[in-house]
Amino acid sequence: PASSAAAQNVNVGAQLLTIDTQSVAGMT
């Protein structure tokens, strides 16, 4: 609550694909 993710309506269950354009595919 009260975080940037909450303000931007990030949903539980959404798959994360990239962080700062870097793919997370294959990462532990």
mmCIF file of all heavy atoms, coordinates in Angstrom:
data_MODEL
# 
_entry.id   MODEL 
# 
loop_
_atom_site.group_PDB 
_atom_site.id 
_atom_site.type_symbol 
_atom_site.label_atom_id 
_atom_site.label_alt_id 
_atom_site.label_comp_id 
_atom_site.label_asym_id 
_atom_site.label_entity_id 
_atom_site.label_seq_id 
_atom_site.pdbx_PDB_ins_code 
_atom_site.Cartn_x 
_atom_site.Cartn_y 
_atom_site.Cartn_z 
_atom_site.occupancy 
_atom_site.B_iso_or_equiv 
_atom_site.pdbx_formal_charge 
_atom_site.auth_seq_id 
_atom_site.auth_comp_id 
_atom_site.auth_asym_id 
_atom_site.auth_atom_id 
_atom_site.pdbx_PDB_model_num 
ATOM 1   N N   . PRO A 1 1  ? 0.832  -1.207  0.000   1.00 0.00 ? 1  PRO A N   1 
ATOM 2   C CA  . PRO A 1 1  ? 0.000  0.000   0.000   1.00 0.00 ? 1  PRO A CA  1 
ATOM 3   C C   . PRO A 1 1  ? 0.865  1.256   0.000   1.00 0.00 ? 1  PRO A C   1 
ATOM 4   O O   . PRO A 1 1  ? 1.989  1.262   0.505   1.00 0.00 ? 1  PRO A O   1 
ATOM 5   C CB  . PRO A 1 1  ? -0.795 -0.119  1.304   1.00 0.00 ? 1  PRO A CB  1 
ATOM 6   C CG  . PRO A 1 1  ? -0.721 -1.563  1.699   1.00 0.00 ? 1  PRO A CG  1 
ATOM 7   C CD  . PRO A 1 1  ? 0.590  -2.063  1.178   1.00 0.00 ? 1  PRO A CD  1 
ATOM 8   N N   . ALA A 1 2  ? 0.339  2.313   -0.571  1.00 0.00 ? 2  ALA A N   1 
ATOM 9   C CA  . ALA A 1 2  ? 0.988  3.633   -0.574  1.00 0.00 ? 2  ALA A CA  1 
ATOM 10  C C   . ALA A 1 2  ? 2.346  3.613   -1.270  1.00 0.00 ? 2  ALA A C   1 
ATOM 11  O O   . ALA A 1 2  ? 3.202  4.462   -0.996  1.00 0.00 ? 2  ALA A O   1 
ATOM 12  C CB  . ALA A 1 2  ? 1.127  4.167   0.846   1.00 0.00 ? 2  ALA A CB  1 
ATOM 13  N N   . SER A 1 3  ? 2.544  2.670   -2.175  1.00 0.00 ? 3  SER A N   1 
ATOM 14  C CA  . SER A 1 3  ? 3.795  2.607   -2.943  1.00 0.00 ? 3  SER A CA  1 
ATOM 15  C C   . SER A 1 3  ? 3.536  3.058   -4.376  1.00 0.00 ? 3  SER A C   1 
ATOM 16  O O   . SER A 1 3  ? 2.389  3.209   -4.812  1.00 0.00 ? 3  SER A O   1 
ATOM 17  C CB  . SER A 1 3  ? 4.337  1.183   -2.954  1.00 0.00 ? 3  SER A CB  1 
ATOM 18  O OG  . SER A 1 3  ? 3.475  0.319   -3.688  1.00 0.00 ? 3  SER A OG  1 
ATOM 19  N N   . SER A 1 4  ? 4.629  3.266   -5.122  1.00 0.00 ? 4  SER A N   1 
ATOM 20  C CA  . SER A 1 4  ? 4.494  3.640   -6.531  1.00 0.00 ? 4  SER A CA  1 
ATOM 21  C C   . SER A 1 4  ? 3.792  2.541   -7.317  1.00 0.00 ? 4  SER A C   1 
ATOM 22  O O   . SER A 1 4  ? 2.974  2.818   -8.202  1.00 0.00 ? 4  SER A O   1 
ATOM 23  C CB  . SER A 1 4  ? 5.884  3.912   -7.114  1.00 0.00 ? 4  SER A CB  1 
ATOM 24  O OG  . SER A 1 4  ? 5.803  4.329   -8.458  1.00 0.00 ? 4  SER A OG  1 
ATOM 25  N N   . ALA A 1 5  ? 4.079  1.268   -6.983  1.00 0.00 ? 5  ALA A N   1 
ATOM 26  C CA  . ALA A 1 5  ? 3.425  0.158   -7.683  1.00 0.00 ? 5  ALA A CA  1 
ATOM 27  C C   . ALA A 1 5  ? 1.921  0.171   -7.445  1.00 0.00 ? 5  ALA A C   1 
ATOM 28  O O   . ALA A 1 5  ? 1.136  -0.077  -8.371  1.00 0.00 ? 5  ALA A O   1 
ATOM 29  C CB  . ALA A 1 5  ? 4.020  -1.163  -7.226  1.00 0.00 ? 5  ALA A CB  1 
ATOM 30  N N   . ALA A 1 6  ? 1.500  0.478   -6.222  1.00 0.00 ? 6  ALA A N   1 
ATOM 31  C CA  . ALA A 1 6  ? 0.067  0.552   -5.934  1.00 0.00 ? 6  ALA A CA  1 
ATOM 32  C C   . ALA A 1 6  ? -0.574 1.709   -6.692  1.00 0.00 ? 6  ALA A C   1 
ATOM 33  O O   . ALA A 1 6  ? -1.678 1.576   -7.245  1.00 0.00 ? 6  ALA A O   1 
ATOM 34  C CB  . ALA A 1 6  ? -0.161 0.702   -4.434  1.00 0.00 ? 6  ALA A CB  1 
ATOM 35  N N   . ALA A 1 7  ? 0.113  2.846   -6.747  1.00 0.00 ? 7  ALA A N   1 
ATOM 36  C CA  . ALA A 1 7  ? -0.429 4.015   -7.443  1.00 0.00 ? 7  ALA A CA  1 
ATOM 37  C C   . ALA A 1 7  ? -0.578 3.759   -8.944  1.00 0.00 ? 7  ALA A C   1 
ATOM 38  O O   . ALA A 1 7  ? -1.466 4.321   -9.587  1.00 0.00 ? 7  ALA A O   1 
ATOM 39  C CB  . ALA A 1 7  ? 0.463  5.226   -7.192  1.00 0.00 ? 7  ALA A CB  1 
ATOM 40  N N   . GLN A 1 8  ? 0.315  2.902   -9.493  1.00 0.00 ? 8  GLN A N   1 
ATOM 41  C CA  . GLN A 1 8  ? 0.267  2.601   -10.924 1.00 0.00 ? 8  GLN A CA  1 
ATOM 42  C C   . GLN A 1 8  ? -0.541 1.342   -11.222 1.00 0.00 ? 8  GLN A C   1 
ATOM 43  O O   . GLN A 1 8  ? -0.497 0.828   -12.344 1.00 0.00 ? 8  GLN A O   1 
ATOM 44  C CB  . GLN A 1 8  ? 1.688  2.435   -11.461 1.00 0.00 ? 8  GLN A CB  1 
ATOM 45  C CG  . GLN A 1 8  ? 2.512  3.714   -11.434 1.00 0.00 ? 8  GLN A CG  1 
ATOM 46  C CD  . GLN A 1 8  ? 2.000  4.735   -12.428 1.00 0.00 ? 8  GLN A CD  1 
ATOM 47  O OE1 . GLN A 1 8  ? 1.503  4.380   -13.478 1.00 0.00 ? 8  GLN A OE1 1 
ATOM 48  N NE2 . GLN A 1 8  ? 2.100  6.004   -12.062 1.00 0.00 ? 8  GLN A NE2 1 
ATOM 49  N N   . ASN A 1 9  ? -1.278 0.854   -10.225 1.00 0.00 ? 9  ASN A N   1 
ATOM 50  C CA  . ASN A 1 9  ? -2.189 -0.290  -10.404 1.00 0.00 ? 9  ASN A CA  1 
ATOM 51  C C   . ASN A 1 9  ? -1.472 -1.548  -10.889 1.00 0.00 ? 9  ASN A C   1 
ATOM 52  O O   . ASN A 1 9  ? -1.972 -2.294  -11.744 1.00 0.00 ? 9  ASN A O   1 
ATOM 53  C CB  . ASN A 1 9  ? -3.326 0.068   -11.366 1.00 0.00 ? 9  ASN A CB  1 
ATOM 54  C CG  . ASN A 1 9  ? -4.204 1.168   -10.827 1.00 0.00 ? 9  ASN A CG  1 
ATOM 55  O OD1 . ASN A 1 9  ? -4.589 1.153   -9.657  1.00 0.00 ? 9  ASN A OD1 1 
ATOM 56  N ND2 . ASN A 1 9  ? -4.514 2.158   -11.662 1.00 0.00 ? 9  ASN A ND2 1 
ATOM 57  N N   . VAL A 1 10 ? -0.268 -1.785  -10.351 1.00 0.00 ? 10 VAL A N   1 
ATOM 58  C CA  . VAL A 1 10 ? 0.400  -3.063  -10.602 1.00 0.00 ? 10 VAL A CA  1 
ATOM 59  C C   . VAL A 1 10 ? -0.387 -4.147  -9.876  1.00 0.00 ? 10 VAL A C   1 
ATOM 60  O O   . VAL A 1 10 ? -0.727 -4.002  -8.701  1.00 0.00 ? 10 VAL A O   1 
ATOM 61  C CB  . VAL A 1 10 ? 1.857  -3.019  -10.116 1.00 0.00 ? 10 VAL A CB  1 
ATOM 62  C CG1 . VAL A 1 10 ? 2.493  -4.398  -10.193 1.00 0.00 ? 10 VAL A CG1 1 
ATOM 63  C CG2 . VAL A 1 10 ? 2.653  -2.006  -10.939 1.00 0.00 ? 10 VAL A CG2 1 
ATOM 64  N N   . ASN A 1 11 ? -0.666 -5.249  -10.565 1.00 0.00 ? 11 ASN A N   1 
ATOM 65  C CA  . ASN A 1 11 ? -1.539 -6.283  -10.030 1.00 0.00 ? 11 ASN A CA  1 
ATOM 66  C C   . ASN A 1 11 ? -0.747 -7.501  -9.567  1.00 0.00 ? 11 ASN A C   1 
ATOM 67  O O   . ASN A 1 11 ? 0.219  -7.916  -10.218 1.00 0.00 ? 11 ASN A O   1 
ATOM 68  C CB  . ASN A 1 11 ? -2.541 -6.741  -11.094 1.00 0.00 ? 11 ASN A CB  1 
ATOM 69  C CG  . ASN A 1 11 ? -3.474 -5.643  -11.526 1.00 0.00 ? 11 ASN A CG  1 
ATOM 70  O OD1 . ASN A 1 11 ? -3.986 -4.903  -10.689 1.00 0.00 ? 11 ASN A OD1 1 
ATOM 71  N ND2 . ASN A 1 11 ? -3.712 -5.519  -12.823 1.00 0.00 ? 11 ASN A ND2 1 
ATOM 72  N N   . VAL A 1 12 ? -1.176 -8.089  -8.460  1.00 0.00 ? 12 VAL A N   1 
ATOM 73  C CA  . VAL A 1 12 ? -0.635 -9.379  -8.043  1.00 0.00 ? 12 VAL A CA  1 
ATOM 74  C C   . VAL A 1 12 ? -0.924 -10.400 -9.142  1.00 0.00 ? 12 VAL A C   1 
ATOM 75  O O   . VAL A 1 12 ? -2.026 -10.462 -9.673  1.00 0.00 ? 12 VAL A O   1 
ATOM 76  C CB  . VAL A 1 12 ? -1.258 -9.823  -6.711  1.00 0.00 ? 12 VAL A CB  1 
ATOM 77  C CG1 . VAL A 1 12 ? -0.880 -11.268 -6.389  1.00 0.00 ? 12 VAL A CG1 1 
ATOM 78  C CG2 . VAL A 1 12 ? -0.837 -8.893  -5.579  1.00 0.00 ? 12 VAL A CG2 1 
ATOM 79  N N   . GLY A 1 13 ? 0.076  -11.181 -9.479  1.00 0.00 ? 13 GLY A N   1 
ATOM 80  C CA  . GLY A 1 13 ? -0.077 -12.184 -10.527 1.00 0.00 ? 13 GLY A CA  1 
ATOM 81  C C   . GLY A 1 13 ? 0.452  -11.762 -11.875 1.00 0.00 ? 13 GLY A C   1 
ATOM 82  O O   . GLY A 1 13 ? 0.587  -12.601 -12.779 1.00 0.00 ? 13 GLY A O   1 
ATOM 83  N N   . ALA A 1 14 ? 0.757  -10.469 -12.027 1.00 0.00 ? 14 ALA A N   1 
ATOM 84  C CA  . ALA A 1 14 ? 1.319  -10.012 -13.304 1.00 0.00 ? 14 ALA A CA  1 
ATOM 85  C C   . ALA A 1 14 ? 2.718  -10.591 -13.478 1.00 0.00 ? 14 ALA A C   1 
ATOM 86  O O   . ALA A 1 14 ? 3.511  -10.638 -12.538 1.00 0.00 ? 14 ALA A O   1 
ATOM 87  C CB  . ALA A 1 14 ? 1.369  -8.487  -13.343 1.00 0.00 ? 14 ALA A CB  1 
ATOM 88  N N   . GLN A 1 15 ? 3.037  -11.031 -14.698 1.00 0.00 ? 15 GLN A N   1 
ATOM 89  C CA  . GLN A 1 15 ? 4.371  -11.568 -14.960 1.00 0.00 ? 15 GLN A CA  1 
ATOM 90  C C   . GLN A 1 15 ? 5.329  -10.433 -15.257 1.00 0.00 ? 15 GLN A C   1 
ATOM 91  O O   . GLN A 1 15 ? 5.030  -9.523  -16.032 1.00 0.00 ? 15 GLN A O   1 
ATOM 92  C CB  . GLN A 1 15 ? 4.353  -12.543 -16.133 1.00 0.00 ? 15 GLN A CB  1 
ATOM 93  C CG  . GLN A 1 15 ? 5.716  -13.196 -16.386 1.00 0.00 ? 15 GLN A CG  1 
ATOM 94  C CD  . GLN A 1 15 ? 5.688  -14.265 -17.436 1.00 0.00 ? 15 GLN A CD  1 
ATOM 95  O OE1 . GLN A 1 15 ? 4.651  -14.523 -18.050 1.00 0.00 ? 15 GLN A OE1 1 
ATOM 96  N NE2 . GLN A 1 15 ? 6.825  -14.915 -17.670 1.00 0.00 ? 15 GLN A NE2 1 
ATOM 97  N N   . LEU A 1 16 ? 6.487  -10.486 -14.623 1.00 0.00 ? 16 LEU A N   1 
ATOM 98  C CA  . LEU A 1 16 ? 7.525  -9.493  -14.858 1.00 0.00 ? 16 LEU A CA  1 
ATOM 99  C C   . LEU A 1 16 ? 8.366  -9.935  -16.050 1.00 0.00 ? 16 LEU A C   1 
ATOM 100 O O   . LEU A 1 16 ? 8.895  -11.051 -16.068 1.00 0.00 ? 16 LEU A O   1 
ATOM 101 C CB  . LEU A 1 16 ? 8.412  -9.342  -13.621 1.00 0.00 ? 16 LEU A CB  1 
ATOM 102 C CG  . LEU A 1 16 ? 9.583  -8.370  -13.741 1.00 0.00 ? 16 LEU A CG  1 
ATOM 103 C CD1 . LEU A 1 16 ? 9.093  -6.937  -13.922 1.00 0.00 ? 16 LEU A CD1 1 
ATOM 104 C CD2 . LEU A 1 16 ? 10.487 -8.473  -12.517 1.00 0.00 ? 16 LEU A CD2 1 
ATOM 105 N N   . LEU A 1 17 ? 8.496  -9.038  -17.043 1.00 0.00 ? 17 LEU A N   1 
ATOM 106 C CA  . LEU A 1 17 ? 9.262  -9.367  -18.240 1.00 0.00 ? 17 LEU A CA  1 
ATOM 107 C C   . LEU A 1 17 ? 10.618 -8.675  -18.273 1.00 0.00 ? 17 LEU A C   1 
ATOM 108 O O   . LEU A 1 17 ? 11.628 -9.289  -18.603 1.00 0.00 ? 17 LEU A O   1 
ATOM 109 C CB  . LEU A 1 17 ? 8.458  -8.986  -19.496 1.00 0.00 ? 17 LEU A CB  1 
ATOM 110 C CG  . LEU A 1 17 ? 7.070  -9.623  -19.625 1.00 0.00 ? 17 LEU A CG  1 
ATOM 111 C CD1 . LEU A 1 17 ? 6.385  -9.123  -20.895 1.00 0.00 ? 17 LEU A CD1 1 
ATOM 112 C CD2 . LEU A 1 17 ? 7.160  -11.144 -19.615 1.00 0.00 ? 17 LEU A CD2 1 
ATOM 113 N N   . THR A 1 18 ? 10.638 -7.391  -17.924 1.00 0.00 ? 18 THR A N   1 
ATOM 114 C CA  . THR A 1 18 ? 11.900 -6.646  -17.945 1.00 0.00 ? 18 THR A CA  1 
ATOM 115 C C   . THR A 1 18 ? 11.976 -5.698  -16.766 1.00 0.00 ? 18 THR A C   1 
ATOM 116 O O   . THR A 1 18 ? 10.951 -5.231  -16.243 1.00 0.00 ? 18 THR A O   1 
ATOM 117 C CB  . THR A 1 18 ? 12.082 -5.829  -19.241 1.00 0.00 ? 18 THR A CB  1 
ATOM 118 O OG1 . THR A 1 18 ? 11.108 -4.768  -19.268 1.00 0.00 ? 18 THR A OG1 1 
ATOM 119 C CG2 . THR A 1 18 ? 11.945 -6.696  -20.478 1.00 0.00 ? 18 THR A CG2 1 
ATOM 120 N N   . ILE A 1 19 ? 13.212 -5.389  -16.361 1.00 0.00 ? 19 ILE A N   1 
ATOM 121 C CA  . ILE A 1 19 ? 13.512 -4.343  -15.386 1.00 0.00 ? 19 ILE A CA  1 
ATOM 122 C C   . ILE A 1 19 ? 14.487 -3.392  -16.064 1.00 0.00 ? 19 ILE A C   1 
ATOM 123 O O   . ILE A 1 19 ? 15.596 -3.787  -16.423 1.00 0.00 ? 19 ILE A O   1 
ATOM 124 C CB  . ILE A 1 19 ? 14.136 -4.910  -14.096 1.00 0.00 ? 19 ILE A CB  1 
ATOM 125 C CG1 . ILE A 1 19 ? 13.202 -5.909  -13.429 1.00 0.00 ? 19 ILE A CG1 1 
ATOM 126 C CG2 . ILE A 1 19 ? 14.501 -3.781  -13.127 1.00 0.00 ? 19 ILE A CG2 1 
ATOM 127 C CD1 . ILE A 1 19 ? 13.809 -6.604  -12.218 1.00 0.00 ? 19 ILE A CD1 1 
ATOM 128 N N   . ASP A 1 20 ? 14.049 -2.159  -16.288 1.00 0.00 ? 20 ASP A N   1 
ATOM 129 C CA  . ASP A 1 20 ? 14.912 -1.156  -16.934 1.00 0.00 ? 20 ASP A CA  1 
ATOM 130 C C   . ASP A 1 20 ? 15.433 -1.686  -18.273 1.00 0.00 ? 20 ASP A C   1 
ATOM 131 O O   . ASP A 1 20 ? 16.625 -1.580  -18.564 1.00 0.00 ? 20 ASP A O   1 
ATOM 132 C CB  . ASP A 1 20 ? 16.055 -0.785  -15.996 1.00 0.00 ? 20 ASP A CB  1 
ATOM 133 C CG  . ASP A 1 20 ? 16.692 0.563   -16.345 1.00 0.00 ? 20 ASP A CG  1 
ATOM 134 O OD1 . ASP A 1 20 ? 16.057 1.336   -17.097 1.00 0.00 ? 20 ASP A OD1 1 
ATOM 135 O OD2 . ASP A 1 20 ? 17.803 0.827   -15.868 1.00 0.00 ? 20 ASP A OD2 1 
ATOM 136 N N   . THR A 1 21 ? 14.532 -2.261  -19.042 1.00 0.00 ? 21 THR A N   1 
ATOM 137 C CA  . THR A 1 21 ? 14.749 -2.852  -20.384 1.00 0.00 ? 21 THR A CA  1 
ATOM 138 C C   . THR A 1 21 ? 15.554 -4.151  -20.361 1.00 0.00 ? 21 THR A C   1 
ATOM 139 O O   . THR A 1 21 ? 15.764 -4.768  -21.398 1.00 0.00 ? 21 THR A O   1 
ATOM 140 C CB  . THR A 1 21 ? 15.441 -1.870  -21.363 1.00 0.00 ? 21 THR A CB  1 
ATOM 141 O OG1 . THR A 1 21 ? 16.821 -1.696  -21.012 1.00 0.00 ? 21 THR A OG1 1 
ATOM 142 C CG2 . THR A 1 21 ? 14.733 -0.517  -21.397 1.00 0.00 ? 21 THR A CG2 1 
ATOM 143 N N   . GLN A 1 22 ? 16.018 -4.606  -19.183 1.00 0.00 ? 22 GLN A N   1 
ATOM 144 C CA  . GLN A 1 22 ? 16.767 -5.862  -19.106 1.00 0.00 ? 22 GLN A CA  1 
ATOM 145 C C   . GLN A 1 22 ? 15.812 -7.026  -18.877 1.00 0.00 ? 22 GLN A C   1 
ATOM 146 O O   . GLN A 1 22 ? 15.045 -7.033  -17.913 1.00 0.00 ? 22 GLN A O   1 
ATOM 147 C CB  . GLN A 1 22 ? 17.801 -5.810  -17.982 1.00 0.00 ? 22 GLN A CB  1 
ATOM 148 C CG  . GLN A 1 22 ? 18.641 -7.081  -17.884 1.00 0.00 ? 22 GLN A CG  1 
ATOM 149 C CD  . GLN A 1 22 ? 19.764 -6.965  -16.882 1.00 0.00 ? 22 GLN A CD  1 
ATOM 150 O OE1 . GLN A 1 22 ? 20.173 -5.857  -16.521 1.00 0.00 ? 22 GLN A OE1 1 
ATOM 151 N NE2 . GLN A 1 22 ? 20.283 -8.091  -16.425 1.00 0.00 ? 22 GLN A NE2 1 
ATOM 152 N N   . SER A 1 23 ? 15.857 -8.011  -19.758 1.00 0.00 ? 23 SER A N   1 
ATOM 153 C CA  . SER A 1 23 ? 14.971 -9.168  -19.636 1.00 0.00 ? 23 SER A CA  1 
ATOM 154 C C   . SER A 1 23 ? 15.317 -9.970  -18.394 1.00 0.00 ? 23 SER A C   1 
ATOM 155 O O   . SER A 1 23 ? 16.493 -10.159 -18.053 1.00 0.00 ? 23 SER A O   1 
ATOM 156 C CB  . SER A 1 23 ? 15.105 -10.061 -20.870 1.00 0.00 ? 23 SER A CB  1 
ATOM 157 O OG  . SER A 1 23 ? 14.368 -11.258 -20.688 1.00 0.00 ? 23 SER A OG  1 
ATOM 158 N N   . VAL A 1 24 ? 14.282 -10.464 -17.711 1.00 0.00 ? 24 VAL A N   1 
ATOM 159 C CA  . VAL A 1 24 ? 14.492 -11.329 -16.546 1.00 0.00 ? 24 VAL A CA  1 
ATOM 160 C C   . VAL A 1 24 ? 14.276 -12.792 -16.911 1.00 0.00 ? 24 VAL A C   1 
ATOM 161 O O   . VAL A 1 24 ? 14.324 -13.660 -16.030 1.00 0.00 ? 24 VAL A O   1 
ATOM 162 C CB  . VAL A 1 24 ? 13.561 -10.926 -15.377 1.00 0.00 ? 24 VAL A CB  1 
ATOM 163 C CG1 . VAL A 1 24 ? 13.844 -9.495  -14.946 1.00 0.00 ? 24 VAL A CG1 1 
ATOM 164 C CG2 . VAL A 1 24 ? 12.094 -11.101 -15.743 1.00 0.00 ? 24 VAL A CG2 1 
ATOM 165 N N   . ALA A 1 25 ? 14.063 -13.069 -18.187 1.00 0.00 ? 25 ALA A N   1 
ATOM 166 C CA  . ALA A 1 25 ? 13.874 -14.454 -18.616 1.00 0.00 ? 25 ALA A CA  1 
ATOM 167 C C   . ALA A 1 25 ? 15.093 -15.289 -18.251 1.00 0.00 ? 25 ALA A C   1 
ATOM 168 O O   . ALA A 1 25 ? 16.238 -14.898 -18.523 1.00 0.00 ? 25 ALA A O   1 
ATOM 169 C CB  . ALA A 1 25 ? 13.631 -14.510 -20.118 1.00 0.00 ? 25 ALA A CB  1 
ATOM 170 N N   . GLY A 1 26 ? 14.859 -16.422 -17.596 1.00 0.00 ? 26 GLY A N   1 
ATOM 171 C CA  . GLY A 1 26 ? 15.950 -17.307 -17.207 1.00 0.00 ? 26 GLY A CA  1 
ATOM 172 C C   . GLY A 1 26 ? 16.601 -16.962 -15.891 1.00 0.00 ? 26 GLY A C   1 
ATOM 173 O O   . GLY A 1 26 ? 17.443 -17.721 -15.402 1.00 0.00 ? 26 GLY A O   1 
ATOM 174 N N   . MET A 1 27 ? 16.254 -15.820 -15.298 1.00 0.00 ? 27 MET A N   1 
ATOM 175 C CA  . MET A 1 27 ? 16.833 -15.464 -14.000 1.00 0.00 ? 27 MET A CA  1 
ATOM 176 C C   . MET A 1 27 ? 16.191 -16.274 -12.881 1.00 0.00 ? 27 MET A C   1 
ATOM 177 O O   . MET A 1 27 ? 14.999 -16.587 -12.922 1.00 0.00 ? 27 MET A O   1 
ATOM 178 C CB  . MET A 1 27 ? 16.618 -13.975 -13.693 1.00 0.00 ? 27 MET A CB  1 
ATOM 179 C CG  . MET A 1 27 ? 17.470 -13.013 -14.473 1.00 0.00 ? 27 MET A CG  1 
ATOM 180 S SD  . MET A 1 27 ? 17.247 -11.315 -13.837 1.00 0.00 ? 27 MET A SD  1 
ATOM 181 C CE  . MET A 1 27 ? 18.280 -10.393 -14.969 1.00 0.00 ? 27 MET A CE  1 
ATOM 182 N N   . THR A 1 28 ? 16.995 -16.620 -11.868 1.00 0.00 ? 28 THR A N   1 
ATOM 183 C CA  . THR A 1 28 ? 16.416 -17.153 -10.648 1.00 0.00 ? 28 THR A CA  1 
ATOM 184 C C   . THR A 1 28 ? 15.775 -15.998 -9.880  1.00 0.00 ? 28 THR A C   1 
ATOM 185 O O   . THR A 1 28 ? 16.035 -14.817 -10.153 1.00 0.00 ? 28 THR A O   1 
ATOM 186 C CB  . THR A 1 28 ? 17.491 -17.805 -9.765  1.00 0.00 ? 28 THR A CB  1 
ATOM 187 O OG1 . THR A 1 28 ? 18.392 -16.793 -9.305  1.00 0.00 ? 28 THR A OG1 1 
ATOM 188 C CG2 . THR A 1 28 ? 18.262 -18.873 -10.541 1.00 0.00 ? 28 THR A CG2 1 
# 
